[in-house]
Amino acid sequence: MSITLQNGTTLYEMYDGFSVSNEAGKYQLLLEGPATGTLGDEMTYHDLMNFSTPDRDNDLWSGHCAAAHDLRGGWWFNHCNRVYFNGRWSPELWNRPWTPTVKTGASVRGTTMMIRRN
């Protein structure tokens, strides 16, 4: 996973294993091994979470993360998020793309999420 900042700097975090279960498993996220990179390991907060969308509340919060706070996108929310790439893309609306390293969408030029088959 990487974030490219407005100044051209790219920060990344890599995981030894990244997999997602099937529909019956609610697309649960499974991260393996230690994380390495320059972003910081905030994705682990979302490990073992089921994927939530505005019409499917699978998070642990008493509310509904995917429908709240103008997020309007799917993600592996826990008690909402520390990492979130799928929200409404606009600097003033996109909060906490990767906390604490990148706190606001205003500093982000783009994001990349890549998965390689083993």
PDB file of N, CA and C in Angstrom:
ATOM      1  N   MET A   1       0.862  -1.149   0.000  1.00  0.00           N
ATOM      2  CA  MET A   1       0.000   0.000   0.000  1.00  0.00           C
ATOM      3  C   MET A   1       0.904   1.205   0.000  1.00  0.00           C
ATOM      4  N   SER A   2       0.521   2.216  -0.787  1.00  0.00           N
ATOM      5  CA  SER A   2       1.340   3.422  -0.794  1.00  0.00           C
ATOM      6  C   SER A   2       0.480   4.670  -0.939  1.00  0.00           C
ATOM      7  N   ILE A   3       1.041   5.759  -0.447  1.00  0.00           N
ATOM      8  CA  ILE A   3       0.434   7.072  -0.569  1.00  0.00           C
ATOM      9  C   ILE A   3       1.485   7.996  -1.161  1.00  0.00           C
ATOM     10  N   THR A   4       1.117   8.690  -2.231  1.00  0.00           N
ATOM     11  CA  THR A   4       1.994   9.697  -2.807  1.00  0.00           C
ATOM     12  C   THR A   4       1.477  11.061  -2.371  1.00  0.00           C
ATOM     13  N   LEU A   5       2.360  11.819  -1.771  1.00  0.00           N
ATOM     14  CA  LEU A   5       2.010  13.135  -1.260  1.00  0.00           C
ATOM     15  C   LEU A   5       2.090  14.189  -2.358  1.00  0.00           C
ATOM     16  N   GLN A   6       1.506  15.340  -2.103  1.00  0.00           N
ATOM     17  CA  GLN A   6       1.508  16.432  -3.073  1.00  0.00           C
ATOM     18  C   GLN A   6       2.921  16.851  -3.466  1.00  0.00           C
ATOM     19  N   ASN A   7       3.879  16.703  -2.560  1.00  0.00           N
ATOM     20  CA  ASN A   7       5.263  17.097  -2.866  1.00  0.00           C
ATOM     21  C   ASN A   7       6.035  16.018  -3.635  1.00  0.00           C
ATOM     22  N   GLY A   8       5.359  14.911  -3.993  1.00  0.00           N
ATOM     23  CA  GLY A   8       5.991  13.847  -4.770  1.00  0.00           C
ATOM     24  C   GLY A   8       6.562  12.709  -3.947  1.00  0.00           C
ATOM     25  N   THR A   9       6.618  12.850  -2.650  1.00  0.00           N
ATOM     26  CA  THR A   9       7.124  11.795  -1.778  1.00  0.00           C
ATOM     27  C   THR A   9       6.140  10.634  -1.752  1.00  0.00           C
ATOM     28  N   THR A  10       6.656   9.413  -1.889  1.00  0.00           N
ATOM     29  CA  THR A  10       5.810   8.227  -1.776  1.00  0.00           C
ATOM     30  C   THR A  10       6.176   7.470  -0.513  1.00  0.00           C
ATOM     31  N   LEU A  11       5.180   7.204   0.310  1.00  0.00           N
ATOM     32  CA  LEU A  11       5.322   6.428   1.533  1.00  0.00           C
ATOM     33  C   LEU A  11       4.623   5.095   1.311  1.00  0.00           C
ATOM     34  N   TYR A  12       5.173   4.016   1.859  1.00  0.00           N
ATOM     35  CA  TYR A  12       4.577   2.708   1.614  1.00  0.00           C
ATOM     36  C   TYR A  12       4.602   1.842   2.869  1.00  0.00           C
ATOM     37  N   GLU A  13       3.760   0.831   2.845  1.00  0.00           N
ATOM     38  CA  GLU A  13       3.779  -0.209   3.875  1.00  0.00           C
ATOM     39  C   GLU A  13       3.519  -1.521   3.167  1.00  0.00           C
ATOM     40  N   MET A  14       4.333  -2.527   3.461  1.00  0.00           N
ATOM     41  CA  MET A  14       4.219  -3.824   2.807  1.00  0.00           C
ATOM     42  C   MET A  14       3.997  -4.904   3.870  1.00  0.00           C
ATOM     43  N   TYR A  15       3.129  -5.837   3.548  1.00  0.00           N
ATOM     44  CA  TYR A  15       2.786  -6.939   4.449  1.00  0.00           C
ATOM     45  C   TYR A  15       3.198  -8.256   3.804  1.00  0.00           C
ATOM     46  N   ASP A  16       3.687  -9.205   4.621  1.00  0.00           N
ATOM     47  CA  ASP A  16       4.089 -10.508   4.087  1.00  0.00           C
ATOM     48  C   ASP A  16       2.911 -11.233   3.456  1.00  0.00           C
ATOM     49  N   GLY A  17       1.752 -11.103   4.058  1.00  0.00           N
ATOM     50  CA  GLY A  17       0.554 -11.749   3.533  1.00  0.00           C
ATOM     51  C   GLY A  17      -0.635 -10.827   3.645  1.00  0.00           C
ATOM     52  N   PHE A  18      -1.469 -10.825   2.610  1.00  0.00           N
ATOM     53  CA  PHE A  18      -2.670  -9.992   2.572  1.00  0.00           C
ATOM     54  C   PHE A  18      -3.698 -10.802   1.815  1.00  0.00           C
ATOM     55  N   SER A  19      -4.740 -11.231   2.500  1.00  0.00           N
ATOM     56  CA  SER A  19      -5.769 -12.012   1.811  1.00  0.00           C
ATOM     57  C   SER A  19      -7.148 -11.591   2.303  1.00  0.00           C
ATOM     58  N   VAL A  20      -8.138 -11.914   1.483  1.00  0.00           N
ATOM     59  CA  VAL A  20      -9.521 -11.563   1.759  1.00  0.00           C
ATOM     60  C   VAL A  20     -10.359 -12.814   1.559  1.00  0.00           C
ATOM     61  N   SER A  21     -11.219 -13.124   2.514  1.00  0.00           N
ATOM     62  CA  SER A  21     -12.071 -14.312   2.411  1.00  0.00           C
ATOM     63  C   SER A  21     -13.155 -14.109   1.356  1.00  0.00           C
ATOM     64  N   ASN A  22     -13.970 -15.124   1.169  1.00  0.00           N
ATOM     65  CA  ASN A  22     -15.042 -15.081   0.166  1.00  0.00           C
ATOM     66  C   ASN A  22     -16.290 -14.375   0.711  1.00  0.00           C
ATOM     67  N   GLU A  23     -17.327 -14.344  -0.110  1.00  0.00           N
ATOM     68  CA  GLU A  23     -18.565 -13.663   0.268  1.00  0.00           C
ATOM     69  C   GLU A  23     -19.168 -14.245   1.543  1.00  0.00           C
ATOM     70  N   ALA A  24     -19.167 -15.580   1.679  1.00  0.00           N
ATOM     71  CA  ALA A  24     -19.721 -16.211   2.880  1.00  0.00           C
ATOM     72  C   ALA A  24     -18.958 -15.774   4.134  1.00  0.00           C
ATOM     73  N   GLY A  25     -17.659 -15.471   3.977  1.00  0.00           N
ATOM     74  CA  GLY A  25     -16.836 -14.996   5.081  1.00  0.00           C
ATOM     75  C   GLY A  25     -16.860 -13.490   5.234  1.00  0.00           C
ATOM     76  N   LYS A  26     -17.770 -12.836   4.526  1.00  0.00           N
ATOM     77  CA  LYS A  26     -17.949 -11.373   4.562  1.00  0.00           C
ATOM     78  C   LYS A  26     -16.676 -10.637   4.170  1.00  0.00           C
ATOM     79  N   TYR A  27     -15.880 -11.251   3.287  1.00  0.00           N
ATOM     80  CA  TYR A  27     -14.655 -10.636   2.763  1.00  0.00           C
ATOM     81  C   TYR A  27     -13.717 -10.178   3.876  1.00  0.00           C
ATOM     82  N   GLN A  28     -13.555 -11.062   4.854  1.00  0.00           N
ATOM     83  CA  GLN A  28     -12.711 -10.753   6.009  1.00  0.00           C
ATOM     84  C   GLN A  28     -11.255 -10.570   5.586  1.00  0.00           C
ATOM     85  N   LEU A  29     -10.605  -9.569   6.156  1.00  0.00           N
ATOM     86  CA  LEU A  29      -9.210  -9.254   5.877  1.00  0.00           C
ATOM     87  C   LEU A  29      -8.292 -10.075   6.773  1.00  0.00           C
ATOM     88  N   LEU A  30      -7.227 -10.635   6.192  1.00  0.00           N
ATOM     89  CA  LEU A  30      -6.223 -11.359   6.964  1.00  0.00           C
ATOM     90  C   LEU A  30      -4.846 -10.849   6.551  1.00  0.00           C
ATOM     91  N   LEU A  31      -4.142 -10.247   7.497  1.00  0.00           N
ATOM     92  CA  LEU A  31      -2.772  -9.785   7.276  1.00  0.00           C
ATOM     93  C   LEU A  31      -1.825 -10.749   7.964  1.00  0.00           C
ATOM     94  N   GLU A  32      -0.678 -10.990   7.328  1.00  0.00           N
ATOM     95  CA  GLU A  32       0.297 -11.919   7.897  1.00  0.00           C
ATOM     96  C   GLU A  32       1.676 -11.292   7.932  1.00  0.00           C
ATOM     97  N   GLY A  33       2.447 -11.740   8.918  1.00  0.00           N
ATOM     98  CA  GLY A  33       3.844 -11.335   9.017  1.00  0.00           C
ATOM     99  C   GLY A  33       4.017  -9.897   9.459  1.00  0.00           C
ATOM    100  N   PRO A  34       5.257  -9.521   9.690  1.00  0.00           N
ATOM    101  CA  PRO A  34       5.511  -8.135  10.092  1.00  0.00           C
ATOM    102  C   PRO A  34       5.346  -7.187   8.905  1.00  0.00           C
ATOM    103  N   ALA A  35       4.933  -5.983   9.209  1.00  0.00           N
ATOM    104  CA  ALA A  35       4.817  -4.943   8.189  1.00  0.00           C
ATOM    105  C   ALA A  35       6.141  -4.195   8.115  1.00  0.00           C
ATOM    106  N   THR A  36       6.507  -3.768   6.913  1.00  0.00           N
ATOM    107  CA  THR A  36       7.712  -2.970   6.730  1.00  0.00           C
ATOM    108  C   THR A  36       7.390  -1.796   5.823  1.00  0.00           C
ATOM    109  N   GLY A  37       8.077  -0.698   6.022  1.00  0.00           N
ATOM    110  CA  GLY A  37       7.878   0.447   5.151  1.00  0.00           C
ATOM    111  C   GLY A  37       8.028   1.762   5.873  1.00  0.00           C
ATOM    112  N   THR A  38       7.553   2.819   5.213  1.00  0.00           N
ATOM    113  CA  THR A  38       7.716   4.174   5.717  1.00  0.00           C
ATOM    114  C   THR A  38       6.410   4.818   6.182  1.00  0.00           C
ATOM    115  N   LEU A  39       5.274   4.114   5.986  1.00  0.00           N
ATOM    116  CA  LEU A  39       3.980   4.652   6.421  1.00  0.00           C
ATOM    117  C   LEU A  39       3.685   4.370   7.885  1.00  0.00           C
ATOM    118  N   GLY A  40       4.118   3.230   8.365  1.00  0.00           N
ATOM    119  CA  GLY A  40       3.761   2.788   9.702  1.00  0.00           C
ATOM    120  C   GLY A  40       2.649   1.751   9.609  1.00  0.00           C
ATOM    121  N   ASP A  41       2.661   0.808  10.515  1.00  0.00           N
ATOM    122  CA  ASP A  41       1.713  -0.311  10.460  1.00  0.00           C
ATOM    123  C   ASP A  41       0.396   0.034  11.128  1.00  0.00           C
ATOM    124  N   GLU A  42      -0.445   0.762  10.439  1.00  0.00           N
ATOM    125  CA  GLU A  42      -1.777   1.074  10.947  1.00  0.00           C
ATOM    126  C   GLU A  42      -2.839   0.136  10.381  1.00  0.00           C
ATOM    127  N   MET A  43      -2.519  -0.610   9.336  1.00  0.00           N
ATOM    128  CA  MET A  43      -3.489  -1.511   8.726  1.00  0.00           C
ATOM    129  C   MET A  43      -3.823  -2.680   9.656  1.00  0.00           C
ATOM    130  N   THR A  44      -2.902  -3.027  10.541  1.00  0.00           N
ATOM    131  CA  THR A  44      -3.154  -4.123  11.476  1.00  0.00           C
ATOM    132  C   THR A  44      -4.385  -3.858  12.333  1.00  0.00           C
ATOM    133  N   TYR A  45      -4.712  -2.614  12.573  1.00  0.00           N
ATOM    134  CA  TYR A  45      -5.934  -2.245  13.307  1.00  0.00           C
ATOM    135  C   TYR A  45      -7.173  -2.831  12.624  1.00  0.00           C
ATOM    136  N   HIS A  46      -7.101  -3.045  11.334  1.00  0.00           N
ATOM    137  CA  HIS A  46      -8.231  -3.542  10.551  1.00  0.00           C
ATOM    138  C   HIS A  46      -8.159  -5.052  10.295  1.00  0.00           C
ATOM    139  N   ASP A  47      -7.085  -5.705  10.757  1.00  0.00           N
ATOM    140  CA  ASP A  47      -6.911  -7.145  10.550  1.00  0.00           C
ATOM    141  C   ASP A  47      -8.086  -7.921  11.144  1.00  0.00           C
ATOM    142  N   LEU A  48      -8.526  -8.924  10.438  1.00  0.00           N
ATOM    143  CA  LEU A  48      -9.619  -9.825  10.814  1.00  0.00           C
ATOM    144  C   LEU A  48     -10.997  -9.163  10.771  1.00  0.00           C
ATOM    145  N   MET A  49     -11.078  -7.950  10.222  1.00  0.00           N
ATOM    146  CA  MET A  49     -12.371  -7.274  10.111  1.00  0.00           C
ATOM    147  C   MET A  49     -13.083  -7.706   8.832  1.00  0.00           C
ATOM    148  N   ASN A  50     -14.399  -7.746   8.907  1.00  0.00           N
ATOM    149  CA  ASN A  50     -15.216  -8.018   7.721  1.00  0.00           C
ATOM    150  C   ASN A  50     -15.407  -6.716   6.956  1.00  0.00           C
ATOM    151  N   PHE A  51     -15.579  -6.822   5.651  1.00  0.00           N
ATOM    152  CA  PHE A  51     -15.749  -5.647   4.801  1.00  0.00           C
ATOM    153  C   PHE A  51     -17.138  -5.061   5.017  1.00  0.00           C
ATOM    154  N   SER A  52     -17.207  -3.754   5.245  1.00  0.00           N
ATOM    155  CA  SER A  52     -18.476  -3.049   5.424  1.00  0.00           C
ATOM    156  C   SER A  52     -18.697  -2.098   4.257  1.00  0.00           C
ATOM    157  N   THR A  53     -19.950  -1.934   3.882  1.00  0.00           N
ATOM    158  CA  THR A  53     -20.358  -0.986   2.857  1.00  0.00           C
ATOM    159  C   THR A  53     -21.545  -0.201   3.407  1.00  0.00           C
ATOM    160  N   PRO A  54     -21.963   0.872   2.729  1.00  0.00           N
ATOM    161  CA  PRO A  54     -23.105   1.621   3.256  1.00  0.00           C
ATOM    162  C   PRO A  54     -24.357   0.773   3.471  1.00  0.00           C
ATOM    163  N   ASP A  55     -24.497  -0.327   2.735  1.00  0.00           N
ATOM    164  CA  ASP A  55     -25.670  -1.187   2.929  1.00  0.00           C
ATOM    165  C   ASP A  55     -25.374  -2.463   3.718  1.00  0.00           C
ATOM    166  N   ARG A  56     -24.149  -2.646   4.205  1.00  0.00           N
ATOM    167  CA  ARG A  56     -23.762  -3.816   5.010  1.00  0.00           C
ATOM    168  C   ARG A  56     -22.873  -3.365   6.162  1.00  0.00           C
ATOM    169  N   ASP A  57     -23.430  -3.319   7.346  1.00  0.00           N
ATOM    170  CA  ASP A  57     -22.712  -2.850   8.531  1.00  0.00           C
ATOM    171  C   ASP A  57     -22.042  -4.036   9.215  1.00  0.00           C
ATOM    172  N   ASN A  58     -20.747  -4.230   8.952  1.00  0.00           N
ATOM    173  CA  ASN A  58     -19.995  -5.325   9.554  1.00  0.00           C
ATOM    174  C   ASN A  58     -18.904  -4.849  10.501  1.00  0.00           C
ATOM    175  N   ASP A  59     -18.924  -3.574  10.885  1.00  0.00           N
ATOM    176  CA  ASP A  59     -17.884  -3.056  11.774  1.00  0.00           C
ATOM    177  C   ASP A  59     -18.239  -3.306  13.238  1.00  0.00           C
ATOM    178  N   LEU A  60     -17.317  -2.953  14.137  1.00  0.00           N
ATOM    179  CA  LEU A  60     -17.529  -3.159  15.572  1.00  0.00           C
ATOM    180  C   LEU A  60     -18.083  -1.939  16.296  1.00  0.00           C
ATOM    181  N   TRP A  61     -18.188  -0.823  15.613  1.00  0.00           N
ATOM    182  CA  TRP A  61     -18.710   0.398  16.205  1.00  0.00           C
ATOM    183  C   TRP A  61     -20.215   0.261  16.412  1.00  0.00           C
ATOM    184  N   SER A  62     -20.760   0.938  17.415  1.00  0.00           N
ATOM    185  CA  SER A  62     -22.205   0.879  17.668  1.00  0.00           C
ATOM    186  C   SER A  62     -22.997   1.559  16.562  1.00  0.00           C
ATOM    187  N   GLY A  63     -22.346   2.464  15.812  1.00  0.00           N
ATOM    188  CA  GLY A  63     -22.973   3.107  14.656  1.00  0.00           C
ATOM    189  C   GLY A  63     -22.671   2.309  13.393  1.00  0.00           C
ATOM    190  N   HIS A  64     -22.507   2.999  12.303  1.00  0.00           N
ATOM    191  CA  HIS A  64     -22.268   2.362  11.007  1.00  0.00           C
ATOM    192  C   HIS A  64     -21.214   3.170  10.259  1.00  0.00           C
ATOM    193  N   CYS A  65     -19.953   2.736  10.363  1.00  0.00           N
ATOM    194  CA  CYS A  65     -18.825   3.506   9.823  1.00  0.00           C
ATOM    195  C   CYS A  65     -18.953   3.814   8.336  1.00  0.00           C
ATOM    196  N   ALA A  66     -19.328   2.838   7.530  1.00  0.00           N
ATOM    197  CA  ALA A  66     -19.364   3.037   6.081  1.00  0.00           C
ATOM    198  C   ALA A  66     -20.420   4.040   5.659  1.00  0.00           C
ATOM    199  N   ALA A  67     -21.434   4.244   6.475  1.00  0.00           N
ATOM    200  CA  ALA A  67     -22.501   5.193   6.149  1.00  0.00           C
ATOM    201  C   ALA A  67     -22.330   6.531   6.874  1.00  0.00           C
ATOM    202  N   ALA A  68     -21.441   6.575   7.851  1.00  0.00           N
ATOM    203  CA  ALA A  68     -21.286   7.777   8.674  1.00  0.00           C
ATOM    204  C   ALA A  68     -20.187   8.694   8.161  1.00  0.00           C
ATOM    205  N   HIS A  69     -20.202   9.905   8.649  1.00  0.00           N
ATOM    206  CA  HIS A  69     -19.114  10.865   8.434  1.00  0.00           C
ATOM    207  C   HIS A  69     -18.807  11.117   6.962  1.00  0.00           C
ATOM    208  N   ASP A  70     -19.761  10.989   6.095  1.00  0.00           N
ATOM    209  CA  ASP A  70     -19.556  11.167   4.658  1.00  0.00           C
ATOM    210  C   ASP A  70     -18.516  10.207   4.092  1.00  0.00           C
ATOM    211  N   LEU A  71     -18.292   9.080   4.752  1.00  0.00           N
ATOM    212  CA  LEU A  71     -17.304   8.129   4.236  1.00  0.00           C
ATOM    213  C   LEU A  71     -17.794   7.509   2.928  1.00  0.00           C
ATOM    214  N   ARG A  72     -19.010   7.025   2.931  1.00  0.00           N
ATOM    215  CA  ARG A  72     -19.690   6.541   1.723  1.00  0.00           C
ATOM    216  C   ARG A  72     -18.852   5.598   0.872  1.00  0.00           C
ATOM    217  N   GLY A  73     -18.191   4.702   1.509  1.00  0.00           N
ATOM    218  CA  GLY A  73     -17.409   3.724   0.772  1.00  0.00           C
ATOM    219  C   GLY A  73     -17.197   2.492   1.609  1.00  0.00           C
ATOM    220  N   GLY A  74     -16.710   1.447   0.999  1.00  0.00           N
ATOM    221  CA  GLY A  74     -16.461   0.207   1.708  1.00  0.00           C
ATOM    222  C   GLY A  74     -15.047   0.128   2.241  1.00  0.00           C
ATOM    223  N   TRP A  75     -14.898  -0.598   3.345  1.00  0.00           N
ATOM    224  CA  TRP A  75     -13.578  -0.810   3.935  1.00  0.00           C
ATOM    225  C   TRP A  75     -13.699  -1.860   5.025  1.00  0.00           C
ATOM    226  N   TRP A  76     -12.568  -2.307   5.528  1.00  0.00           N
ATOM    227  CA  TRP A  76     -12.529  -3.240   6.650  1.00  0.00           C
ATOM    228  C   TRP A  76     -12.518  -2.410   7.931  1.00  0.00           C
ATOM    229  N   PHE A  77     -13.646  -1.792   8.238  1.00  0.00           N
ATOM    230  CA  PHE A  77     -13.736  -0.928   9.413  1.00  0.00           C
ATOM    231  C   PHE A  77     -13.698  -1.753  10.694  1.00  0.00           C
ATOM    232  N   ASN A  78     -13.054  -1.230  11.709  1.00  0.00           N
ATOM    233  CA  ASN A  78     -13.031  -1.815  13.036  1.00  0.00           C
ATOM    234  C   ASN A  78     -14.012  -0.973  13.851  1.00  0.00           C
ATOM    235  N   HIS A  79     -13.519  -0.115  14.725  1.00  0.00           N
ATOM    236  CA  HIS A  79     -14.348   0.935  15.330  1.00  0.00           C
ATOM    237  C   HIS A  79     -14.093   2.174  14.474  1.00  0.00           C
ATOM    238  N   CYS A  80     -14.463   2.075  13.242  1.00  0.00           N
ATOM    239  CA  CYS A  80     -14.190   2.983  12.125  1.00  0.00           C
ATOM    240  C   CYS A  80     -12.747   2.797  11.681  1.00  0.00           C
ATOM    241  N   ASN A  81     -11.928   3.831  11.544  1.00  0.00           N
ATOM    242  CA  ASN A  81     -10.704   3.610  10.783  1.00  0.00           C
ATOM    243  C   ASN A  81      -9.489   4.367  11.278  1.00  0.00           C
ATOM    244  N   ARG A  82      -8.342   3.777  10.990  1.00  0.00           N
ATOM    245  CA  ARG A  82      -7.044   4.438  11.076  1.00  0.00           C
ATOM    246  C   ARG A  82      -6.454   4.546   9.677  1.00  0.00           C
ATOM    247  N   VAL A  83      -6.903   3.678   8.805  1.00  0.00           N
ATOM    248  CA  VAL A  83      -6.496   3.640   7.404  1.00  0.00           C
ATOM    249  C   VAL A  83      -7.774   3.568   6.587  1.00  0.00           C
ATOM    250  N   TYR A  84      -7.844   4.355   5.496  1.00  0.00           N
ATOM    251  CA  TYR A  84      -9.067   4.328   4.703  1.00  0.00           C
ATOM    252  C   TYR A  84      -8.799   4.899   3.314  1.00  0.00           C
ATOM    253  N   PHE A  85      -8.787   4.035   2.309  1.00  0.00           N
ATOM    254  CA  PHE A  85      -8.501   4.452   0.937  1.00  0.00           C
ATOM    255  C   PHE A  85      -9.750   4.614   0.083  1.00  0.00           C
ATOM    256  N   ASN A  86     -10.905   4.151   0.515  1.00  0.00           N
ATOM    257  CA  ASN A  86     -12.065   4.061  -0.367  1.00  0.00           C
ATOM    258  C   ASN A  86     -13.139   5.117  -0.155  1.00  0.00           C
ATOM    259  N   GLY A  87     -12.832   6.184   0.513  1.00  0.00           N
ATOM    260  CA  GLY A  87     -13.836   7.205   0.786  1.00  0.00           C
ATOM    261  C   GLY A  87     -14.036   8.167  -0.365  1.00  0.00           C
ATOM    262  N   ARG A  88     -14.863   9.145  -0.128  1.00  0.00           N
ATOM    263  CA  ARG A  88     -15.082  10.202  -1.111  1.00  0.00           C
ATOM    264  C   ARG A  88     -13.778  10.954  -1.294  1.00  0.00           C
ATOM    265  N   TRP A  89     -13.295  11.023  -2.520  1.00  0.00           N
ATOM    266  CA  TRP A  89     -11.988  11.607  -2.795  1.00  0.00           C
ATOM    267  C   TRP A  89     -12.115  13.109  -2.970  1.00  0.00           C
ATOM    268  N   SER A  90     -11.761  13.814  -1.934  1.00  0.00           N
ATOM    269  CA  SER A  90     -11.767  15.266  -1.926  1.00  0.00           C
ATOM    270  C   SER A  90     -11.008  15.678  -0.670  1.00  0.00           C
ATOM    271  N   PRO A  91     -10.022  16.560  -0.770  1.00  0.00           N
ATOM    272  CA  PRO A  91      -9.221  16.904   0.410  1.00  0.00           C
ATOM    273  C   PRO A  91     -10.037  17.340   1.616  1.00  0.00           C
ATOM    274  N   GLU A  92     -11.105  18.082   1.392  1.00  0.00           N
ATOM    275  CA  GLU A  92     -11.875  18.556   2.540  1.00  0.00           C
ATOM    276  C   GLU A  92     -12.772  17.478   3.140  1.00  0.00           C
ATOM    277  N   LEU A  93     -13.066  16.414   2.401  1.00  0.00           N
ATOM    278  CA  LEU A  93     -13.923  15.341   2.911  1.00  0.00           C
ATOM    279  C   LEU A  93     -13.138  14.118   3.361  1.00  0.00           C
ATOM    280  N   TRP A  94     -11.937  13.945   2.839  1.00  0.00           N
ATOM    281  CA  TRP A  94     -11.196  12.721   3.095  1.00  0.00           C
ATOM    282  C   TRP A  94     -10.304  12.890   4.308  1.00  0.00           C
ATOM    283  N   ASN A  95     -10.759  12.400   5.442  1.00  0.00           N
ATOM    284  CA  ASN A  95     -10.008  12.488   6.690  1.00  0.00           C
ATOM    285  C   ASN A  95      -9.302  11.180   6.984  1.00  0.00           C
ATOM    286  N   ARG A  96      -8.144  11.281   7.592  1.00  0.00           N
ATOM    287  CA  ARG A  96      -7.407  10.129   8.111  1.00  0.00           C
ATOM    288  C   ARG A  96      -7.122   9.064   7.071  1.00  0.00           C
ATOM    289  N   PRO A  97      -6.462   9.372   5.962  1.00  0.00           N
ATOM    290  CA  PRO A  97      -6.135   8.333   5.003  1.00  0.00           C
ATOM    291  C   PRO A  97      -5.175   7.290   5.590  1.00  0.00           C
ATOM    292  N   TRP A  98      -4.256   7.712   6.477  1.00  0.00           N
ATOM    293  CA  TRP A  98      -3.341   6.777   7.145  1.00  0.00           C
ATOM    294  C   TRP A  98      -2.816   7.468   8.391  1.00  0.00           C
ATOM    295  N   THR A  99      -3.526   7.316   9.495  1.00  0.00           N
ATOM    296  CA  THR A  99      -3.176   7.980  10.745  1.00  0.00           C
ATOM    297  C   THR A  99      -2.088   7.187  11.463  1.00  0.00           C
ATOM    298  N   PRO A 100      -1.095   7.778  12.064  1.00  0.00           N
ATOM    299  CA  PRO A 100      -0.879   9.214  12.212  1.00  0.00           C
ATOM    300  C   PRO A 100       0.025   9.809  11.135  1.00  0.00           C
ATOM    301  N   THR A 101       0.571   8.989  10.243  1.00  0.00           N
ATOM    302  CA  THR A 101       1.533   9.490   9.261  1.00  0.00           C
ATOM    303  C   THR A 101       0.921  10.509   8.305  1.00  0.00           C
ATOM    304  N   VAL A 102      -0.249  10.210   7.754  1.00  0.00           N
ATOM    305  CA  VAL A 102      -0.930  11.117   6.825  1.00  0.00           C
ATOM    306  C   VAL A 102      -2.308  11.393   7.424  1.00  0.00           C
ATOM    307  N   LYS A 103      -2.499  12.581   7.961  1.00  0.00           N
ATOM    308  CA  LYS A 103      -3.703  12.897   8.728  1.00  0.00           C
ATOM    309  C   LYS A 103      -4.827  13.509   7.917  1.00  0.00           C
ATOM    310  N   THR A 104      -4.526  14.029   6.725  1.00  0.00           N
ATOM    311  CA  THR A 104      -5.555  14.687   5.932  1.00  0.00           C
ATOM    312  C   THR A 104      -5.380  14.396   4.453  1.00  0.00           C
ATOM    313  N   GLY A 105      -6.462  14.343   3.748  1.00  0.00           N
ATOM    314  CA  GLY A 105      -6.420  14.105   2.315  1.00  0.00           C
ATOM    315  C   GLY A 105      -5.827  15.259   1.537  1.00  0.00           C
ATOM    316  N   ALA A 106      -5.735  16.449   2.136  1.00  0.00           N
ATOM    317  CA  ALA A 106      -5.196  17.615   1.440  1.00  0.00           C
ATOM    318  C   ALA A 106      -3.736  17.407   1.043  1.00  0.00           C
ATOM    319  N   SER A 107      -3.009  16.564   1.759  1.00  0.00           N
ATOM    320  CA  SER A 107      -1.596  16.332   1.450  1.00  0.00           C
ATOM    321  C   SER A 107      -1.380  15.174   0.484  1.00  0.00           C
ATOM    322  N   VAL A 108      -2.463  14.516   0.049  1.00  0.00           N
ATOM    323  CA  VAL A 108      -2.347  13.303  -0.768  1.00  0.00           C
ATOM    324  C   VAL A 108      -2.610  13.582  -2.242  1.00  0.00           C
ATOM    325  N   ARG A 109      -1.699  13.107  -3.087  1.00  0.00           N
ATOM    326  CA  ARG A 109      -1.887  13.164  -4.540  1.00  0.00           C
ATOM    327  C   ARG A 109      -2.565  11.889  -5.038  1.00  0.00           C
ATOM    328  N   GLY A 110      -2.211  10.747  -4.443  1.00  0.00           N
ATOM    329  CA  GLY A 110      -2.812   9.492  -4.875  1.00  0.00           C
ATOM    330  C   GLY A 110      -2.451   8.346  -3.958  1.00  0.00           C
ATOM    331  N   THR A 111      -3.167   7.240  -4.114  1.00  0.00           N
ATOM    332  CA  THR A 111      -2.915   6.037  -3.321  1.00  0.00           C
ATOM    333  C   THR A 111      -2.847   4.832  -4.238  1.00  0.00           C
ATOM    334  N   THR A 112      -2.163   3.810  -3.776  1.00  0.00           N
ATOM    335  CA  THR A 112      -2.060   2.563  -4.523  1.00  0.00           C
ATOM    336  C   THR A 112      -2.156   1.410  -3.545  1.00  0.00           C
ATOM    337  N   MET A 113      -2.913   0.413  -3.929  1.00  0.00           N
ATOM    338  CA  MET A 113      -3.021  -0.806  -3.140  1.00  0.00           C
ATOM    339  C   MET A 113      -2.778  -1.951  -4.115  1.00  0.00           C
ATOM    340  N   MET A 114      -1.714  -2.708  -3.910  1.00  0.00           N
ATOM    341  CA  MET A 114      -1.365  -3.800  -4.828  1.00  0.00           C
ATOM    342  C   MET A 114      -1.296  -5.116  -4.066  1.00  0.00           C
ATOM    343  N   ILE A 115      -1.784  -6.146  -4.699  1.00  0.00           N
ATOM    344  CA  ILE A 115      -1.724  -7.488  -4.121  1.00  0.00           C
ATOM    345  C   ILE A 115      -1.063  -8.385  -5.147  1.00  0.00           C
ATOM    346  N   ARG A 116      -0.063  -9.126  -4.714  1.00  0.00           N
ATOM    347  CA  ARG A 116       0.629 -10.037  -5.630  1.00  0.00           C
ATOM    348  C   ARG A 116       0.288 -11.459  -5.234  1.00  0.00           C
ATOM    349  N   ARG A 117       0.051 -12.261  -6.226  1.00  0.00           N
ATOM    350  CA  ARG A 117      -0.270 -13.670  -6.015  1.00  0.00           C
ATOM    351  C   ARG A 117       1.000 -14.427  -5.680  1.00  0.00           C
ATOM    352  N   ASN A 118       0.935 -15.272  -4.655  1.00  0.00           N
ATOM    353  CA  ASN A 118       2.105 -16.092  -4.286  1.00  0.00           C
ATOM    354  C   ASN A 118       2.088 -17.401  -5.016  1.00  0.00           C
TER     355      ASN A 118
END
